[in-house]
Amino acid sequence: MNRLFVAYKPPFISSNWFLGRLKKKYGTKKGGFSGTLDPTAKGVLVIAFGKYTRLFRFLAKAPKTYRTTLWLGAVSEGLDVEHVSEVNEVNALDETAVKRAVDELTEITSQIPPKFSAKWVDGKRAYDLARKGHEVELKPMDVTIYETKFIAYCHPFITFEATVSEGTYIRTLAQTLAEKLKSFGILSSLERLREGPFVYDHEKALDIRKYIDLPANTFLGDPEDMAQGKKLPLDAFAITHDGTYKVLQDDTISIIEIADGKVGYLINRMEIE
C-alpha cells in the first residue's frame, strides 16, 4: 500500500507507538512519519506507507503552526508537563503586556535548543545525556518566527499560536516569552496545527504529486527509456539547468537530479496510487 495522509496524534503517546497503531489499522507493515512530536504533544503528523516513505525529503513541511499554553510558575527539567517538580504562585500579569510580549516573539532570529531535545551531541541524543545528568551544550540556531497570535490569558496560563521555520523549538519560544514577562514556566500543552500545507482532514489519502516540493520538468524522449532506467541525455529534458526535478508520466512520478550536464535518477517511475 502506497499512501500519504495526515494523522492526528493524541497527547501522552510516542510518535512511534502511534505509527504502529496506524499500520495495524490499515494493514500495512511499511510506514513512517515526518516531524516527530514529543510524547506530551498532540496534533498533525504526516504519515506515509509503502514506497511513499522514500519521498519524505521532497515534501514541503514548513512553515509549521503550533498552539501552545505557557504555565507560569511551574518548573520541569524538560520544560513540559512530563516531569513537573514544582508549582509556584506567581503574580498575575497585565494582559496588554502579555499581548505585547507575544507580538515581540517575531523579532527572534536565533535560539538555543532545549537540553531535552533530539539534537545530536558527540554522537548521542541531547535528551539521553541530560537524563543521565551530563552537561549539555547546544549551539544557537537560526530560526524565523513568521507570525504569532495571542489566544487567551487566564492566570497562570497564557495560550498563543506561532508559525515558525523548521527546527524552531516551541518550548524554548515559551521560555523566551516567560523571560520577557520577567517570570518563568513550562508548556502545559502543545498542539501542531499545520506542517507546511499539511492539515488534519480525517486521514484522507492525499495526491502525492501535489505535495512534492520540486519544480516540474518534462521528459521529451521515449518514455520507455525512463521505464527501463536507461541513461538519459540532458537534451531530452525541457529544463536543462542544474537542479532537482519531478517528472510526471502517466500515473508515475520520477525524481531526477541534473548536475554538471549529467542526469541522474533519485527515484524512477514510482507508481501513484
Protein backbone atom coordinates (compact mmCIF):
# COMPACT_ATOMS: atom_id res chain seq x y z
CA MET A 1 0.00 0.00 0.00
CA ASN A 2 1.33 3.42 -1.04
CA ARG A 3 -0.47 6.15 0.87
CA LEU A 4 0.19 9.69 2.10
CA PHE A 5 -2.07 11.25 4.71
CA VAL A 6 -2.20 13.39 7.82
CA ALA A 7 -3.00 11.77 11.16
CA TYR A 8 -3.74 13.46 14.48
CA LYS A 9 -1.52 12.17 17.27
CA PRO A 10 -3.11 12.23 20.74
CA PRO A 11 -1.04 13.50 23.69
CA PHE A 12 0.97 11.28 26.05
CA ILE A 13 1.94 8.63 23.49
CA SER A 14 5.07 8.49 21.37
CA SER A 15 5.01 9.13 17.63
CA ASN A 16 6.44 5.64 17.05
CA TRP A 17 3.72 3.96 19.13
CA PHE A 18 1.06 5.91 17.27
CA LEU A 19 2.57 4.89 13.91
CA GLY A 20 2.38 1.26 14.99
CA ARG A 21 -1.34 1.62 15.68
CA LEU A 22 -1.89 3.21 12.26
CA LYS A 23 -0.02 0.43 10.46
CA LYS A 24 -2.18 -2.12 12.23
CA LYS A 25 -5.33 -0.15 11.40
CA TYR A 26 -4.51 -0.02 7.68
CA GLY A 27 -2.98 -3.49 7.47
CA THR A 28 0.47 -2.47 6.29
CA LYS A 29 3.98 -3.24 7.54
CA LYS A 30 5.98 -0.43 5.97
CA GLY A 31 5.30 3.09 7.20
CA GLY A 32 6.93 6.21 8.53
CA PHE A 33 6.25 9.74 9.69
CA SER A 34 7.81 13.13 9.21
CA GLY A 35 8.41 15.59 12.03
CA THR A 36 8.39 13.74 15.35
CA LEU A 37 6.05 15.10 18.01
CA ASP A 38 7.08 14.87 21.67
CA PRO A 39 5.04 12.34 23.68
CA THR A 40 3.23 15.13 25.56
CA ALA A 41 2.35 16.96 22.32
CA LYS A 42 -0.60 16.35 20.03
CA GLY A 43 -1.62 17.26 16.52
CA VAL A 44 -0.60 16.94 12.89
CA LEU A 45 1.69 14.06 11.96
CA VAL A 46 2.44 13.41 8.28
CA ILE A 47 2.28 9.67 7.57
CA ALA A 48 3.43 7.69 4.52
CA PHE A 49 3.03 3.99 3.78
CA GLY A 50 4.86 1.77 1.32
CA LYS A 51 7.13 3.34 -1.27
CA TYR A 52 5.88 6.82 -0.40
CA THR A 53 8.17 6.78 2.66
CA ARG A 54 11.03 7.45 0.21
CA LEU A 55 9.50 10.83 -0.65
CA PHE A 56 9.60 12.48 2.78
CA ARG A 57 12.69 14.54 1.95
CA PHE A 58 10.93 16.05 -1.07
CA LEU A 59 7.79 17.19 0.75
CA ALA A 60 7.08 20.80 1.69
CA LYS A 61 6.85 20.74 5.50
CA ALA A 62 7.34 24.36 6.51
CA PRO A 63 6.39 26.70 7.96
CA LYS A 64 4.78 24.96 10.91
CA THR A 65 2.00 26.35 13.10
CA TYR A 66 1.57 25.44 16.77
CA ARG A 67 -0.85 26.34 19.53
CA THR A 68 0.67 26.18 22.99
CA THR A 69 -0.06 27.12 26.57
CA LEU A 70 2.58 28.50 28.93
CA TRP A 71 2.00 27.57 32.59
CA LEU A 72 3.54 30.33 34.69
CA GLY A 73 5.15 29.29 37.95
CA ALA A 74 5.62 25.60 37.11
CA VAL A 75 9.07 24.03 36.94
CA SER A 76 10.21 21.00 34.91
CA GLU A 77 13.63 19.93 33.62
CA GLY A 78 12.09 19.08 30.24
CA LEU A 79 10.16 22.38 30.16
CA ASP A 80 6.86 20.49 29.78
CA VAL A 81 4.35 18.65 31.98
CA GLU A 82 6.08 15.27 31.83
CA HIS A 83 8.21 15.78 34.95
CA VAL A 84 6.84 18.74 36.93
CA SER A 85 8.95 19.26 40.07
CA GLU A 86 7.46 22.49 41.44
CA VAL A 87 4.39 24.65 41.11
CA ASN A 88 4.84 28.17 42.47
CA GLU A 89 2.44 31.07 42.85
CA VAL A 90 3.44 33.98 40.66
CA ASN A 91 1.95 37.43 40.33
CA ALA A 92 -0.76 37.99 37.76
CA LEU A 93 0.26 39.98 34.71
CA ASP A 94 -1.27 42.82 32.78
CA GLU A 95 -2.96 41.31 29.70
CA THR A 96 -1.81 44.19 27.50
CA ALA A 97 1.79 43.43 28.46
CA VAL A 98 1.23 39.74 27.69
CA LYS A 99 -0.16 40.53 24.23
CA ARG A 100 2.78 42.85 23.52
CA ALA A 101 5.29 40.18 24.58
CA VAL A 102 3.62 37.59 22.32
CA ASP A 103 3.84 40.02 19.38
CA GLU A 104 7.53 40.66 20.09
CA LEU A 105 8.38 36.98 19.65
CA THR A 106 8.50 37.61 15.89
CA GLU A 107 11.71 39.59 16.49
CA ILE A 108 13.60 36.41 17.46
CA THR A 109 16.19 35.27 14.90
CA SER A 110 18.04 32.55 16.85
CA GLN A 111 17.52 30.24 19.80
CA ILE A 112 19.36 27.56 21.76
CA PRO A 113 17.56 24.18 21.61
CA PRO A 114 16.46 22.77 24.98
CA LYS A 115 18.79 20.18 26.50
CA PHE A 116 15.90 17.71 26.48
CA SER A 117 15.79 17.64 22.67
CA ALA A 118 16.64 15.15 19.92
CA LYS A 119 19.72 17.12 18.87
CA TRP A 120 22.91 15.08 18.40
CA VAL A 121 25.81 15.86 20.76
CA ASP A 122 29.01 13.84 20.25
CA GLY A 123 27.06 11.02 18.66
CA LYS A 124 24.33 10.89 21.31
CA ARG A 125 20.91 12.44 21.67
CA ALA A 126 20.86 15.52 23.90
CA TYR A 127 17.91 14.18 25.93
CA ASP A 128 19.79 10.93 26.69
CA LEU A 129 22.77 12.88 28.03
CA ALA A 130 20.53 15.25 30.01
CA ARG A 131 18.64 12.38 31.65
CA LYS A 132 21.96 10.91 32.82
CA GLY A 133 22.91 14.23 34.42
CA HIS A 134 25.56 15.21 31.87
CA GLU A 135 26.09 18.83 30.97
CA VAL A 136 24.71 19.51 27.50
CA GLU A 137 25.95 22.46 25.47
CA LEU A 138 23.97 23.22 22.34
CA LYS A 139 24.79 25.90 19.81
CA PRO A 140 22.35 28.66 18.85
CA MET A 141 20.32 28.00 15.70
CA ASP A 142 18.91 30.46 13.20
CA VAL A 143 15.11 30.48 13.29
CA THR A 144 12.28 32.53 11.84
CA ILE A 145 9.09 33.33 13.74
CA TYR A 146 6.78 34.29 10.90
CA GLU A 147 3.70 35.12 12.95
CA THR A 148 2.37 34.92 16.50
CA LYS A 149 -1.18 35.22 17.75
CA PHE A 150 -2.36 35.82 21.30
CA ILE A 151 -5.27 33.49 22.14
CA ALA A 152 -6.01 33.85 25.86
CA TYR A 153 -4.62 34.69 29.28
CA CYS A 154 -6.25 33.06 32.29
CA HIS A 155 -3.71 33.29 35.07
CA PRO A 156 -1.40 31.40 35.31
CA PHE A 157 -1.94 30.15 31.74
CA ILE A 158 -1.02 32.01 28.52
CA THR A 159 -2.18 30.47 25.25
CA PHE A 160 -0.79 31.61 21.92
CA GLU A 161 -0.11 30.39 18.39
CA ALA A 162 3.15 30.63 16.48
CA THR A 163 4.02 29.98 12.84
CA VAL A 164 7.71 29.14 12.67
CA SER A 165 10.51 27.82 10.50
CA GLU A 166 11.58 24.19 10.60
CA GLY A 167 13.85 23.49 13.57
CA THR A 168 12.22 26.01 15.90
CA TYR A 169 11.58 24.74 19.44
CA ILE A 170 8.30 25.92 20.92
CA ARG A 171 9.47 25.02 24.43
CA THR A 172 12.33 27.49 24.01
CA LEU A 173 9.99 30.07 22.47
CA ALA A 174 7.70 29.80 25.50
CA GLN A 175 10.70 30.27 27.80
CA THR A 176 11.58 33.44 25.93
CA LEU A 177 8.02 34.68 26.42
CA ALA A 178 8.23 33.98 30.17
CA GLU A 179 11.54 35.85 30.38
CA LYS A 180 10.07 38.85 28.55
CA LEU A 181 7.38 38.91 31.23
CA LYS A 182 10.04 38.60 33.98
CA SER A 183 8.56 35.27 35.02
CA PHE A 184 9.12 31.54 34.43
CA GLY A 185 7.09 28.50 33.46
CA ILE A 186 6.71 25.41 31.29
CA LEU A 187 4.46 24.17 28.49
CA SER A 188 1.22 22.71 29.78
CA SER A 189 0.09 21.79 26.27
CA LEU A 190 1.43 21.78 22.72
CA GLU A 191 -0.58 21.17 19.55
CA ARG A 192 0.74 21.20 15.99
CA LEU A 193 -1.97 22.65 13.76
CA ARG A 194 -0.17 22.66 10.43
CA GLU A 195 3.04 21.41 8.84
CA GLY A 196 3.54 23.29 5.58
CA PRO A 197 0.42 22.54 3.51
CA PHE A 198 -0.48 19.55 5.67
CA VAL A 199 -3.52 19.84 7.95
CA TYR A 200 -5.61 17.13 9.57
CA ASP A 201 -8.59 16.01 7.47
CA HIS A 202 -9.75 12.68 8.90
CA GLU A 203 -6.78 10.74 7.44
CA LYS A 204 -7.90 11.37 3.87
CA ALA A 205 -5.48 9.95 1.27
CA LEU A 206 -3.52 12.74 -0.46
CA ASP A 207 -2.31 13.00 -4.04
CA ILE A 208 1.46 12.75 -3.66
CA ARG A 209 2.01 14.77 -6.85
CA LYS A 210 0.60 17.92 -5.22
CA TYR A 211 2.92 17.76 -2.23
CA ILE A 212 6.33 17.17 -3.81
CA ASP A 213 8.17 20.45 -3.25
CA LEU A 214 10.14 20.40 -6.51
CA PRO A 215 9.78 22.15 -9.87
CA ALA A 216 8.31 20.03 -12.65
CA ASN A 217 10.39 19.01 -15.64
CA THR A 218 9.29 17.30 -18.85
CA PHE A 219 10.99 14.31 -20.43
CA LEU A 220 10.91 14.74 -24.23
CA GLY A 221 12.31 11.33 -25.15
CA ASP A 222 10.88 7.82 -25.36
CA PRO A 223 9.01 7.06 -22.07
CA GLU A 224 10.33 3.50 -22.24
CA ASP A 225 13.86 4.80 -21.74
CA MET A 226 12.92 6.01 -18.27
CA ALA A 227 10.84 2.91 -17.60
CA GLN A 228 13.92 0.78 -18.25
CA GLY A 229 16.21 3.04 -16.26
CA LYS A 230 18.39 3.88 -19.23
CA LYS A 231 20.96 6.65 -19.14
CA LEU A 232 19.19 9.88 -20.08
CA PRO A 233 20.74 12.66 -22.20
CA LEU A 234 20.46 16.22 -20.95
CA ASP A 235 18.80 17.46 -24.14
CA ALA A 236 15.91 15.03 -23.55
CA PHE A 237 14.52 17.39 -20.89
CA ALA A 238 12.65 20.67 -21.26
CA ILE A 239 14.70 22.23 -18.41
CA THR A 240 18.43 21.57 -18.59
CA HIS A 241 19.99 23.72 -15.86
CA ASP A 242 21.24 22.15 -12.62
CA GLY A 243 18.59 21.22 -10.06
CA THR A 244 16.31 18.53 -8.69
CA TYR A 245 13.01 17.98 -10.52
CA LYS A 246 9.87 15.89 -10.51
CA VAL A 247 8.86 14.24 -13.77
CA LEU A 248 5.25 13.10 -14.14
CA GLN A 249 4.41 10.45 -16.72
CA ASP A 250 1.02 8.76 -16.87
CA ASP A 251 0.41 7.51 -13.30
CA THR A 252 4.06 7.57 -12.21
CA ILE A 253 6.43 10.09 -10.68
CA SER A 254 10.20 10.23 -11.07
CA ILE A 255 12.71 12.43 -9.28
CA ILE A 256 15.82 13.36 -11.25
CA GLU A 257 18.88 15.45 -10.50
CA ILE A 258 20.74 17.46 -13.11
CA ALA A 259 24.30 18.39 -12.17
CA ASP A 260 27.22 19.44 -14.38
CA GLY A 261 25.37 18.49 -17.54
CA LYS A 262 24.53 14.96 -16.37
CA VAL A 263 21.16 13.45 -15.43
CA GLY A 264 20.77 11.03 -12.53
CA TYR A 265 17.81 9.16 -11.10
CA LEU A 266 16.85 9.70 -7.47
CA ILE A 267 13.51 7.88 -7.84
CA ASN A 268 12.44 6.23 -11.09
CA ARG A 269 8.80 5.86 -12.12
CA MET A 270 7.15 5.28 -8.78
CA GLU A 271 3.51 4.34 -9.26
CA ILE A 272 0.97 6.81 -7.91
CA GLU A 273 -1.99 5.37 -6.03
